[in-house]
Amino acid sequence: MPVNDMIKMRDGEVVLYKRSDSVFWQARFRSPNRSWHRISTKRARIDDAKVVACEAYDRARFRSTEGLIAVSRRFRDVAKLTVQRMNEAKEAGMGKVSYKDYEQVIEKYLIPFFGSTHIDKIDIPKIQQFEAWRLQQFKKEPAKSTILNHNAALHRVFDTAIAEGWIKQQQVPPFKVSGKKGTRRPDFTLQEWTKLTANLRHWVLKSREGKSRHMRELMWDYVLILANSGIRTGTEAQNLKWKQIRWHTDPKTKQKYLAISVSGKTG
């Protein structure tokens, strides 16, 4: 945006300016490490804007003398940047399956609770408050896997803040791993599996020729491949291509198998 009415203060260390699309004065100031930081003063009057800009400049210098990061950021801003970076990684083909889970945790739990808190102010008591709040949201003790997922998402946000120089590594609070042990989903007995596959095959044969028969045969193959290979529905199965399927012969037994390569949690 075009910049108008630039005003310099503190020997050029603080600069006030207006953009053509805003009535408020913007400011940039040089931090003790000589990098520039930009803020909106949220003030339309120049005298008020000067006070806000100079206070931000003085605060950054004071924090630096106390051994703190000169300029802090609110959790919400760091979290949104974290989501943006994960989306950029996915678009570049370098994303992970877990990124989608992290984004959901950030949007549904982390931002609603930590949003307006400065990232460098999140300490052990604040984490404990979050755990109590989360328990109220769930209305029951979350599973250990859920806690681990939340911790991983929170770590992503802190990693972004460290990379940007907004906090130091020693400022990251420890996360407690609790939660109830997950229960295994029930599986089929051999009798149930035999009945299911027999009925599924009958379901295929009684369909009409054409697209209906083709789709049912596809379902039949899909169920058998999932059950006999251990491939999971979702990303692993949906991304499967012909080039990832090959014949493999056991060197000892000489028995021939179909080997399937998928991209998933365990590689």
C-alpha atoms as a PDB file:
ATOM      1  CA  MET A   1       0.000   0.000   0.000  1.00  0.00           C
ATOM      2  CA  PRO A   2       1.232   3.569  -0.668  1.00  0.00           C
ATOM      3  CA  VAL A   3       2.836   5.187   2.392  1.00  0.00           C
ATOM      4  CA  ASN A   4       2.234   8.834   3.308  1.00  0.00           C
ATOM      5  CA  ASP A   5       3.398  11.343   5.963  1.00  0.00           C
ATOM      6  CA  MET A   6       6.505   9.580   7.263  1.00  0.00           C
ATOM      7  CA  ILE A   7       7.757  10.969  10.618  1.00  0.00           C
ATOM      8  CA  LYS A   8      11.054  10.000  12.252  1.00  0.00           C
ATOM      9  CA  MET A   9      11.831  10.149  15.992  1.00  0.00           C
ATOM     10  CA  ARG A  10      14.550   9.017  18.387  1.00  0.00           C
ATOM     11  CA  ASP A  11      17.322   9.715  15.842  1.00  0.00           C
ATOM     12  CA  GLY A  12      15.482   7.700  13.202  1.00  0.00           C
ATOM     13  CA  GLU A  13      15.118   4.637  15.427  1.00  0.00           C
ATOM     14  CA  VAL A  14      11.318   5.099  15.489  1.00  0.00           C
ATOM     15  CA  VAL A  15       9.359   5.824  12.303  1.00  0.00           C
ATOM     16  CA  LEU A  16       5.663   6.726  12.053  1.00  0.00           C
ATOM     17  CA  TYR A  17       3.803   6.495   8.764  1.00  0.00           C
ATOM     18  CA  LYS A  18       0.300   6.164   7.344  1.00  0.00           C
ATOM     19  CA  ARG A  19      -0.964   3.798   4.695  1.00  0.00           C
ATOM     20  CA  SER A  20      -3.523   5.062   2.237  1.00  0.00           C
ATOM     21  CA  ASP A  21      -5.986   2.336   3.262  1.00  0.00           C
ATOM     22  CA  SER A  22      -6.014   3.153   6.999  1.00  0.00           C
ATOM     23  CA  VAL A  23      -6.792   6.110   9.267  1.00  0.00           C
ATOM     24  CA  PHE A  24      -4.416   4.791  11.938  1.00  0.00           C
ATOM     25  CA  TRP A  25      -0.725   5.525  12.192  1.00  0.00           C
ATOM     26  CA  GLN A  26       1.653   2.600  11.708  1.00  0.00           C
ATOM     27  CA  ALA A  27       5.072   2.433  13.333  1.00  0.00           C
ATOM     28  CA  ARG A  28       8.335   0.631  12.906  1.00  0.00           C
ATOM     29  CA  PHE A  29      11.215   0.733  15.330  1.00  0.00           C
ATOM     30  CA  ARG A  30      14.680  -0.731  15.510  1.00  0.00           C
ATOM     31  CA  SER A  31      15.247  -3.306  18.232  1.00  0.00           C
ATOM     32  CA  PRO A  32      18.535  -3.639  20.154  1.00  0.00           C
ATOM     33  CA  ASN A  33      19.669  -6.397  17.759  1.00  0.00           C
ATOM     34  CA  ARG A  34      19.198  -3.860  14.923  1.00  0.00           C
ATOM     35  CA  SER A  35      16.234  -5.621  13.303  1.00  0.00           C
ATOM     36  CA  TRP A  36      13.081  -3.647  12.477  1.00  0.00           C
ATOM     37  CA  HIS A  37       9.679  -4.393  14.016  1.00  0.00           C
ATOM     38  CA  ARG A  38       6.333  -3.083  12.779  1.00  0.00           C
ATOM     39  CA  ILE A  39       3.202  -2.364  14.809  1.00  0.00           C
ATOM     40  CA  SER A  40      -0.092  -0.573  14.381  1.00  0.00           C
ATOM     41  CA  THR A  41      -0.497   2.178  16.959  1.00  0.00           C
ATOM     42  CA  LYS A  42      -4.301   2.001  16.532  1.00  0.00           C
ATOM     43  CA  ARG A  43      -4.288   5.769  16.942  1.00  0.00           C
ATOM     44  CA  ALA A  44      -5.523   8.328  14.431  1.00  0.00           C
ATOM     45  CA  ARG A  45      -4.076  11.404  16.213  1.00  0.00           C
ATOM     46  CA  ILE A  46      -0.357  11.902  15.616  1.00  0.00           C
ATOM     47  CA  ASP A  47       0.414  12.868  19.227  1.00  0.00           C
ATOM     48  CA  ASP A  48      -1.242   9.696  20.560  1.00  0.00           C
ATOM     49  CA  ALA A  49       0.539   7.590  17.932  1.00  0.00           C
ATOM     50  CA  LYS A  50       3.920   9.030  18.927  1.00  0.00           C
ATOM     51  CA  VAL A  51       3.357   8.005  22.552  1.00  0.00           C
ATOM     52  CA  VAL A  52       2.401   4.430  21.596  1.00  0.00           C
ATOM     53  CA  ALA A  53       5.348   4.029  19.201  1.00  0.00           C
ATOM     54  CA  CYS A  54       7.918   5.385  21.666  1.00  0.00           C
ATOM     55  CA  GLU A  55       6.537   3.217  24.484  1.00  0.00           C
ATOM     56  CA  ALA A  56       6.909   0.120  22.288  1.00  0.00           C
ATOM     57  CA  TYR A  57      10.479   1.159  21.452  1.00  0.00           C
ATOM     58  CA  ASP A  58      11.379   1.736  25.114  1.00  0.00           C
ATOM     59  CA  ARG A  59       9.715  -1.527  26.163  1.00  0.00           C
ATOM     60  CA  ALA A  60      11.795  -3.485  23.643  1.00  0.00           C
ATOM     61  CA  ARG A  61      15.021  -1.907  24.922  1.00  0.00           C
ATOM     62  CA  PHE A  62      14.078  -2.614  28.542  1.00  0.00           C
ATOM     63  CA  ARG A  63      13.243  -6.256  27.784  1.00  0.00           C
ATOM     64  CA  SER A  64      16.591  -6.633  26.061  1.00  0.00           C
ATOM     65  CA  THR A  65      18.498  -5.337  29.106  1.00  0.00           C
ATOM     66  CA  GLU A  66      16.604  -7.905  31.222  1.00  0.00           C
ATOM     67  CA  GLY A  67      17.783 -10.730  28.991  1.00  0.00           C
ATOM     68  CA  LEU A  68      14.355 -11.196  27.386  1.00  0.00           C
ATOM     69  CA  ILE A  69      13.302 -11.274  23.744  1.00  0.00           C
ATOM     70  CA  ALA A  70      12.861  -7.637  22.714  1.00  0.00           C
ATOM     71  CA  VAL A  71       9.485  -8.086  21.012  1.00  0.00           C
ATOM     72  CA  SER A  72       6.873 -10.663  21.993  1.00  0.00           C
ATOM     73  CA  ARG A  73       3.938 -11.999  19.976  1.00  0.00           C
ATOM     74  CA  ARG A  74       0.472 -13.137  20.968  1.00  0.00           C
ATOM     75  CA  PHE A  75      -0.133 -16.877  20.771  1.00  0.00           C
ATOM     76  CA  ARG A  76      -2.874 -16.416  18.174  1.00  0.00           C
ATOM     77  CA  ASP A  77      -0.491 -14.777  15.693  1.00  0.00           C
ATOM     78  CA  VAL A  78       2.208 -17.418  16.169  1.00  0.00           C
ATOM     79  CA  ALA A  79      -0.366 -20.228  15.839  1.00  0.00           C
ATOM     80  CA  LYS A  80      -1.762 -18.807  12.590  1.00  0.00           C
ATOM     81  CA  LEU A  81       1.753 -18.537  11.180  1.00  0.00           C
ATOM     82  CA  THR A  82       2.358 -22.156  12.209  1.00  0.00           C
ATOM     83  CA  VAL A  83      -0.757 -23.308  10.314  1.00  0.00           C
ATOM     84  CA  GLN A  84       0.321 -21.254   7.305  1.00  0.00           C
ATOM     85  CA  ARG A  85       3.766 -22.890   7.317  1.00  0.00           C
ATOM     86  CA  MET A  86       2.241 -26.382   7.524  1.00  0.00           C
ATOM     87  CA  ASN A  87      -0.081 -25.610   4.595  1.00  0.00           C
ATOM     88  CA  GLU A  88       2.863 -24.317   2.570  1.00  0.00           C
ATOM     89  CA  ALA A  89       4.741 -27.539   3.312  1.00  0.00           C
ATOM     90  CA  LYS A  90       1.750 -29.611   2.159  1.00  0.00           C
ATOM     91  CA  GLU A  91       1.466 -27.630  -1.074  1.00  0.00           C
ATOM     92  CA  ALA A  92       5.171 -28.198  -1.691  1.00  0.00           C
ATOM     93  CA  GLY A  93       4.684 -31.948  -1.222  1.00  0.00           C
ATOM     94  CA  MET A  94       6.632 -32.005   2.055  1.00  0.00           C
ATOM     95  CA  GLY A  95       3.686 -32.088   4.462  1.00  0.00           C
ATOM     96  CA  LYS A  96       2.872 -34.859   6.906  1.00  0.00           C
ATOM     97  CA  VAL A  97      -0.395 -36.672   7.535  1.00  0.00           C
ATOM     98  CA  SER A  98      -0.298 -35.379  11.114  1.00  0.00           C
ATOM     99  CA  TYR A  99      -0.450 -31.728   9.961  1.00  0.00           C
ATOM    100  CA  LYS A 100      -4.209 -31.957   9.486  1.00  0.00           C
ATOM    101  CA  ASP A 101      -4.632 -33.158  13.081  1.00  0.00           C
ATOM    102  CA  TYR A 102      -2.349 -30.402  14.386  1.00  0.00           C
ATOM    103  CA  GLU A 103      -4.318 -27.742  12.515  1.00  0.00           C
ATOM    104  CA  GLN A 104      -7.603 -28.994  14.021  1.00  0.00           C
ATOM    105  CA  VAL A 105      -6.108 -28.948  17.540  1.00  0.00           C
ATOM    106  CA  ILE A 106      -4.719 -25.434  17.040  1.00  0.00           C
ATOM    107  CA  GLU A 107      -8.017 -24.049  15.732  1.00  0.00           C
ATOM    108  CA  LYS A 108     -10.350 -25.870  18.152  1.00  0.00           C
ATOM    109  CA  TYR A 109      -8.403 -25.872  21.422  1.00  0.00           C
ATOM    110  CA  LEU A 110      -5.137 -23.915  21.449  1.00  0.00           C
ATOM    111  CA  ILE A 111      -6.221 -20.601  19.917  1.00  0.00           C
ATOM    112  CA  PRO A 112      -9.525 -20.428  21.872  1.00  0.00           C
ATOM    113  CA  PHE A 113      -7.613 -20.803  25.160  1.00  0.00           C
ATOM    114  CA  PHE A 114      -4.184 -19.222  24.613  1.00  0.00           C
ATOM    115  CA  GLY A 115      -5.173 -16.786  21.833  1.00  0.00           C
ATOM    116  CA  SER A 116      -4.549 -13.380  23.437  1.00  0.00           C
ATOM    117  CA  THR A 117      -1.720 -14.559  25.720  1.00  0.00           C
ATOM    118  CA  HIS A 118       1.788 -13.528  24.716  1.00  0.00           C
ATOM    119  CA  ILE A 119       3.766 -16.594  23.715  1.00  0.00           C
ATOM    120  CA  ASP A 120       6.552 -15.808  26.214  1.00  0.00           C
ATOM    121  CA  LYS A 121       4.039 -15.634  29.080  1.00  0.00           C
ATOM    122  CA  ILE A 122       2.892 -19.243  28.750  1.00  0.00           C
ATOM    123  CA  ASP A 123       4.348 -21.062  31.756  1.00  0.00           C
ATOM    124  CA  ILE A 124       3.607 -24.192  33.803  1.00  0.00           C
ATOM    125  CA  PRO A 125       0.597 -22.645  35.666  1.00  0.00           C
ATOM    126  CA  LYS A 126      -0.863 -21.529  32.321  1.00  0.00           C
ATOM    127  CA  ILE A 127      -0.443 -25.030  30.902  1.00  0.00           C
ATOM    128  CA  GLN A 128      -2.180 -26.442  33.987  1.00  0.00           C
ATOM    129  CA  GLN A 129      -5.079 -24.006  33.468  1.00  0.00           C
ATOM    130  CA  PHE A 130      -5.320 -25.202  29.867  1.00  0.00           C
ATOM    131  CA  GLU A 131      -5.439 -28.841  30.980  1.00  0.00           C
ATOM    132  CA  ALA A 132      -8.300 -28.064  33.391  1.00  0.00           C
ATOM    133  CA  TRP A 133     -10.156 -26.115  30.680  1.00  0.00           C
ATOM    134  CA  ARG A 134      -9.667 -28.926  28.171  1.00  0.00           C
ATOM    135  CA  LEU A 135     -11.097 -31.431  30.627  1.00  0.00           C
ATOM    136  CA  GLN A 136     -14.253 -29.289  30.809  1.00  0.00           C
ATOM    137  CA  GLN A 137     -14.461 -29.235  27.012  1.00  0.00           C
ATOM    138  CA  PHE A 138     -14.135 -33.015  26.714  1.00  0.00           C
ATOM    139  CA  LYS A 139     -16.408 -33.704  29.721  1.00  0.00           C
ATOM    140  CA  LYS A 140     -14.272 -36.807  30.345  1.00  0.00           C
ATOM    141  CA  GLU A 141     -10.622 -37.721  30.658  1.00  0.00           C
ATOM    142  CA  PRO A 142      -9.088 -37.632  27.160  1.00  0.00           C
ATOM    143  CA  ALA A 143      -7.098 -40.591  25.888  1.00  0.00           C
ATOM    144  CA  LYS A 144      -3.321 -40.527  26.163  1.00  0.00           C
ATOM    145  CA  SER A 145      -3.038 -40.436  22.357  1.00  0.00           C
ATOM    146  CA  THR A 146      -5.186 -37.280  22.322  1.00  0.00           C
ATOM    147  CA  ILE A 147      -2.911 -35.607  24.902  1.00  0.00           C
ATOM    148  CA  LEU A 148       0.159 -36.517  22.856  1.00  0.00           C
ATOM    149  CA  ASN A 149      -1.456 -35.048  19.742  1.00  0.00           C
ATOM    150  CA  HIS A 150      -2.267 -31.792  21.564  1.00  0.00           C
ATOM    151  CA  ASN A 151       1.279 -31.605  22.956  1.00  0.00           C
ATOM    152  CA  ALA A 152       2.744 -32.120  19.489  1.00  0.00           C
ATOM    153  CA  ALA A 153       0.577 -29.324  18.053  1.00  0.00           C
ATOM    154  CA  LEU A 154       1.609 -27.001  20.893  1.00  0.00           C
ATOM    155  CA  HIS A 155       5.258 -27.864  20.276  1.00  0.00           C
ATOM    156  CA  ARG A 156       4.816 -26.853  16.615  1.00  0.00           C
ATOM    157  CA  VAL A 157       3.654 -23.399  17.702  1.00  0.00           C
ATOM    158  CA  PHE A 158       6.553 -22.980  20.138  1.00  0.00           C
ATOM    159  CA  ASP A 159       9.004 -24.157  17.440  1.00  0.00           C
ATOM    160  CA  THR A 160       7.704 -21.394  15.162  1.00  0.00           C
ATOM    161  CA  ALA A 161       8.180 -18.805  17.911  1.00  0.00           C
ATOM    162  CA  ILE A 162      11.758 -20.009  18.542  1.00  0.00           C
ATOM    163  CA  ALA A 163      12.587 -19.968  14.828  1.00  0.00           C
ATOM    164  CA  GLU A 164      11.288 -16.391  14.529  1.00  0.00           C
ATOM    165  CA  GLY A 165      13.240 -15.245  17.604  1.00  0.00           C
ATOM    166  CA  TRP A 166      10.127 -14.456  19.672  1.00  0.00           C
ATOM    167  CA  ILE A 167      11.048 -16.777  22.548  1.00  0.00           C
ATOM    168  CA  LYS A 168      14.078 -18.745  23.683  1.00  0.00           C
ATOM    169  CA  GLN A 169      14.211 -22.520  23.984  1.00  0.00           C
ATOM    170  CA  GLN A 170      14.436 -22.342  27.773  1.00  0.00           C
ATOM    171  CA  GLN A 171      11.117 -20.469  27.886  1.00  0.00           C
ATOM    172  CA  VAL A 172       9.148 -23.448  26.553  1.00  0.00           C
ATOM    173  CA  PRO A 173       7.296 -25.042  29.500  1.00  0.00           C
ATOM    174  CA  PRO A 174       7.252 -28.837  29.958  1.00  0.00           C
ATOM    175  CA  PHE A 175       4.071 -30.656  28.926  1.00  0.00           C
ATOM    176  CA  LYS A 176       2.561 -33.377  31.073  1.00  0.00           C
ATOM    177  CA  VAL A 177       1.601 -36.642  29.377  1.00  0.00           C
ATOM    178  CA  SER A 178      -1.464 -38.070  31.098  1.00  0.00           C
ATOM    179  CA  GLY A 179      -4.813 -39.384  29.911  1.00  0.00           C
ATOM    180  CA  LYS A 180      -6.405 -42.775  29.996  1.00  0.00           C
ATOM    181  CA  LYS A 181      -4.952 -45.646  28.055  1.00  0.00           C
ATOM    182  CA  GLY A 182      -6.630 -46.108  24.695  1.00  0.00           C
ATOM    183  CA  THR A 183      -8.786 -49.170  24.135  1.00  0.00           C
ATOM    184  CA  ARG A 184      -8.356 -51.302  21.070  1.00  0.00           C
ATOM    185  CA  ARG A 185     -11.229 -51.296  18.625  1.00  0.00           C
ATOM    186  CA  PRO A 186     -13.054 -54.667  18.460  1.00  0.00           C
ATOM    187  CA  ASP A 187     -12.145 -56.873  15.523  1.00  0.00           C
ATOM    188  CA  PHE A 188     -13.959 -59.716  13.745  1.00  0.00           C
ATOM    189  CA  THR A 189     -13.813 -63.309  14.895  1.00  0.00           C
ATOM    190  CA  LEU A 190     -12.855 -65.873  12.250  1.00  0.00           C
ATOM    191  CA  GLN A 191     -16.497 -66.988  12.103  1.00  0.00           C
ATOM    192  CA  GLU A 192     -17.704 -63.394  11.610  1.00  0.00           C
ATOM    193  CA  TRP A 193     -15.073 -62.719   8.943  1.00  0.00           C
ATOM    194  CA  THR A 194     -16.013 -65.859   7.028  1.00  0.00           C
ATOM    195  CA  LYS A 195     -19.698 -64.874   7.118  1.00  0.00           C
ATOM    196  CA  LEU A 196     -18.929 -61.281   6.074  1.00  0.00           C
ATOM    197  CA  THR A 197     -16.816 -62.265   3.055  1.00  0.00           C
ATOM    198  CA  ALA A 198     -19.294 -64.942   1.945  1.00  0.00           C
ATOM    199  CA  ASN A 199     -22.204 -62.497   2.062  1.00  0.00           C
ATOM    200  CA  LEU A 200     -20.142 -59.801   0.377  1.00  0.00           C
ATOM    201  CA  ARG A 201     -19.342 -62.120  -2.517  1.00  0.00           C
ATOM    202  CA  HIS A 202     -23.036 -63.043  -2.831  1.00  0.00           C
ATOM    203  CA  TRP A 203     -23.870 -59.308  -2.796  1.00  0.00           C
ATOM    204  CA  VAL A 204     -21.484 -58.810  -5.741  1.00  0.00           C
ATOM    205  CA  LEU A 205     -22.907 -61.684  -7.800  1.00  0.00           C
ATOM    206  CA  LYS A 206     -26.556 -60.635  -7.450  1.00  0.00           C
ATOM    207  CA  SER A 207     -25.903 -57.152  -8.854  1.00  0.00           C
ATOM    208  CA  ARG A 208     -26.705 -56.158 -12.444  1.00  0.00           C
ATOM    209  CA  GLU A 209     -24.029 -56.147 -15.117  1.00  0.00           C
ATOM    210  CA  GLY A 210     -22.406 -52.803 -15.816  1.00  0.00           C
ATOM    211  CA  LYS A 211     -21.415 -50.035 -13.441  1.00  0.00           C
ATOM    212  CA  SER A 212     -23.251 -51.534 -10.474  1.00  0.00           C
ATOM    213  CA  ARG A 213     -21.370 -54.848 -10.795  1.00  0.00           C
ATOM    214  CA  HIS A 214     -18.083 -53.023 -11.342  1.00  0.00           C
ATOM    215  CA  MET A 215     -18.457 -50.872  -8.196  1.00  0.00           C
ATOM    216  CA  ARG A 216     -19.404 -53.876  -6.061  1.00  0.00           C
ATOM    217  CA  GLU A 217     -16.419 -55.844  -7.338  1.00  0.00           C
ATOM    218  CA  LEU A 218     -14.243 -52.879  -6.494  1.00  0.00           C
ATOM    219  CA  MET A 219     -15.654 -52.848  -2.960  1.00  0.00           C
ATOM    220  CA  TRP A 220     -15.003 -56.587  -2.684  1.00  0.00           C
ATOM    221  CA  ASP A 221     -11.356 -56.122  -3.699  1.00  0.00           C
ATOM    222  CA  TYR A 222     -11.003 -53.114  -1.391  1.00  0.00           C
ATOM    223  CA  VAL A 223     -12.228 -55.027   1.673  1.00  0.00           C
ATOM    224  CA  LEU A 224      -9.971 -58.016   0.966  1.00  0.00           C
ATOM    225  CA  ILE A 225      -6.881 -55.835   0.405  1.00  0.00           C
ATOM    226  CA  LEU A 226      -7.460 -53.878   3.623  1.00  0.00           C
ATOM    227  CA  ALA A 227      -8.045 -57.005   5.677  1.00  0.00           C
ATOM    228  CA  ASN A 228      -5.129 -59.009   4.301  1.00  0.00           C
ATOM    229  CA  SER A 229      -2.516 -56.261   4.094  1.00  0.00           C
ATOM    230  CA  GLY A 230      -3.193 -54.072   7.133  1.00  0.00           C
ATOM    231  CA  ILE A 231      -3.399 -50.931   4.983  1.00  0.00           C
ATOM    232  CA  ARG A 232      -5.577 -48.315   6.685  1.00  0.00           C
ATOM    233  CA  THR A 233      -8.501 -46.528   5.112  1.00  0.00           C
ATOM    234  CA  GLY A 234      -7.938 -42.882   4.301  1.00  0.00           C
ATOM    235  CA  THR A 235      -4.584 -41.554   3.136  1.00  0.00           C
ATOM    236  CA  GLU A 236      -2.808 -44.913   2.813  1.00  0.00           C
ATOM    237  CA  ALA A 237      -5.504 -46.597   0.745  1.00  0.00           C
ATOM    238  CA  GLN A 238      -6.618 -43.565  -1.258  1.00  0.00           C
ATOM    239  CA  ASN A 239      -3.101 -42.787  -2.494  1.00  0.00           C
ATOM    240  CA  LEU A 240      -2.368 -46.338  -3.612  1.00  0.00           C
ATOM    241  CA  LYS A 241      -1.236 -46.604  -7.261  1.00  0.00           C
ATOM    242  CA  TRP A 242      -0.396 -49.481  -9.588  1.00  0.00           C
ATOM    243  CA  LYS A 243       3.302 -48.569  -9.491  1.00  0.00           C
ATOM    244  CA  GLN A 244       3.302 -49.281  -5.728  1.00  0.00           C
ATOM    245  CA  ILE A 245       2.275 -52.917  -6.252  1.00  0.00           C
ATOM    246  CA  ARG A 246       4.841 -55.545  -7.263  1.00  0.00           C
ATOM    247  CA  TRP A 247       5.439 -59.264  -7.032  1.00  0.00           C
ATOM    248  CA  HIS A 248       7.820 -60.503  -4.346  1.00  0.00           C
ATOM    249  CA  THR A 249       9.181 -64.025  -4.018  1.00  0.00           C
ATOM    250  CA  ASP A 250      10.317 -65.264  -0.616  1.00  0.00           C
ATOM    251  CA  PRO A 251      13.949 -66.402  -1.152  1.00  0.00           C
ATOM    252  CA  LYS A 252      13.568 -69.276   1.331  1.00  0.00           C
ATOM    253  CA  THR A 253      10.114 -70.690   0.621  1.00  0.00           C
ATOM    254  CA  LYS A 254       9.976 -69.505  -3.026  1.00  0.00           C
ATOM    255  CA  GLN A 255       6.380 -68.477  -2.298  1.00  0.00           C
ATOM    256  CA  LYS A 256       5.117 -65.550  -4.343  1.00  0.00           C
ATOM    257  CA  TYR A 257       3.480 -62.520  -2.701  1.00  0.00           C
ATOM    258  CA  LEU A 258       2.108 -59.175  -3.761  1.00  0.00           C
ATOM    259  CA  ALA A 259       4.183 -56.431  -2.099  1.00  0.00           C
ATOM    260  CA  ILE A 260       2.435 -53.080  -1.596  1.00  0.00           C
ATOM    261  CA  SER A 261       4.298 -49.871  -0.712  1.00  0.00           C
ATOM    262  CA  VAL A 262       2.263 -47.166   0.996  1.00  0.00           C
ATOM    263  CA  SER A 263       3.015 -43.803   2.558  1.00  0.00           C
ATOM    264  CA  GLY A 264       1.688 -43.653   6.108  1.00  0.00           C
ATOM    265  CA  LYS A 265       2.459 -43.440   9.817  1.00  0.00           C
ATOM    266  CA  THR A 266       5.169 -46.136   9.760  1.00  0.00           C
ATOM    267  CA  GLY A 267       6.479 -45.418   6.254  1.00  0.00           C
END
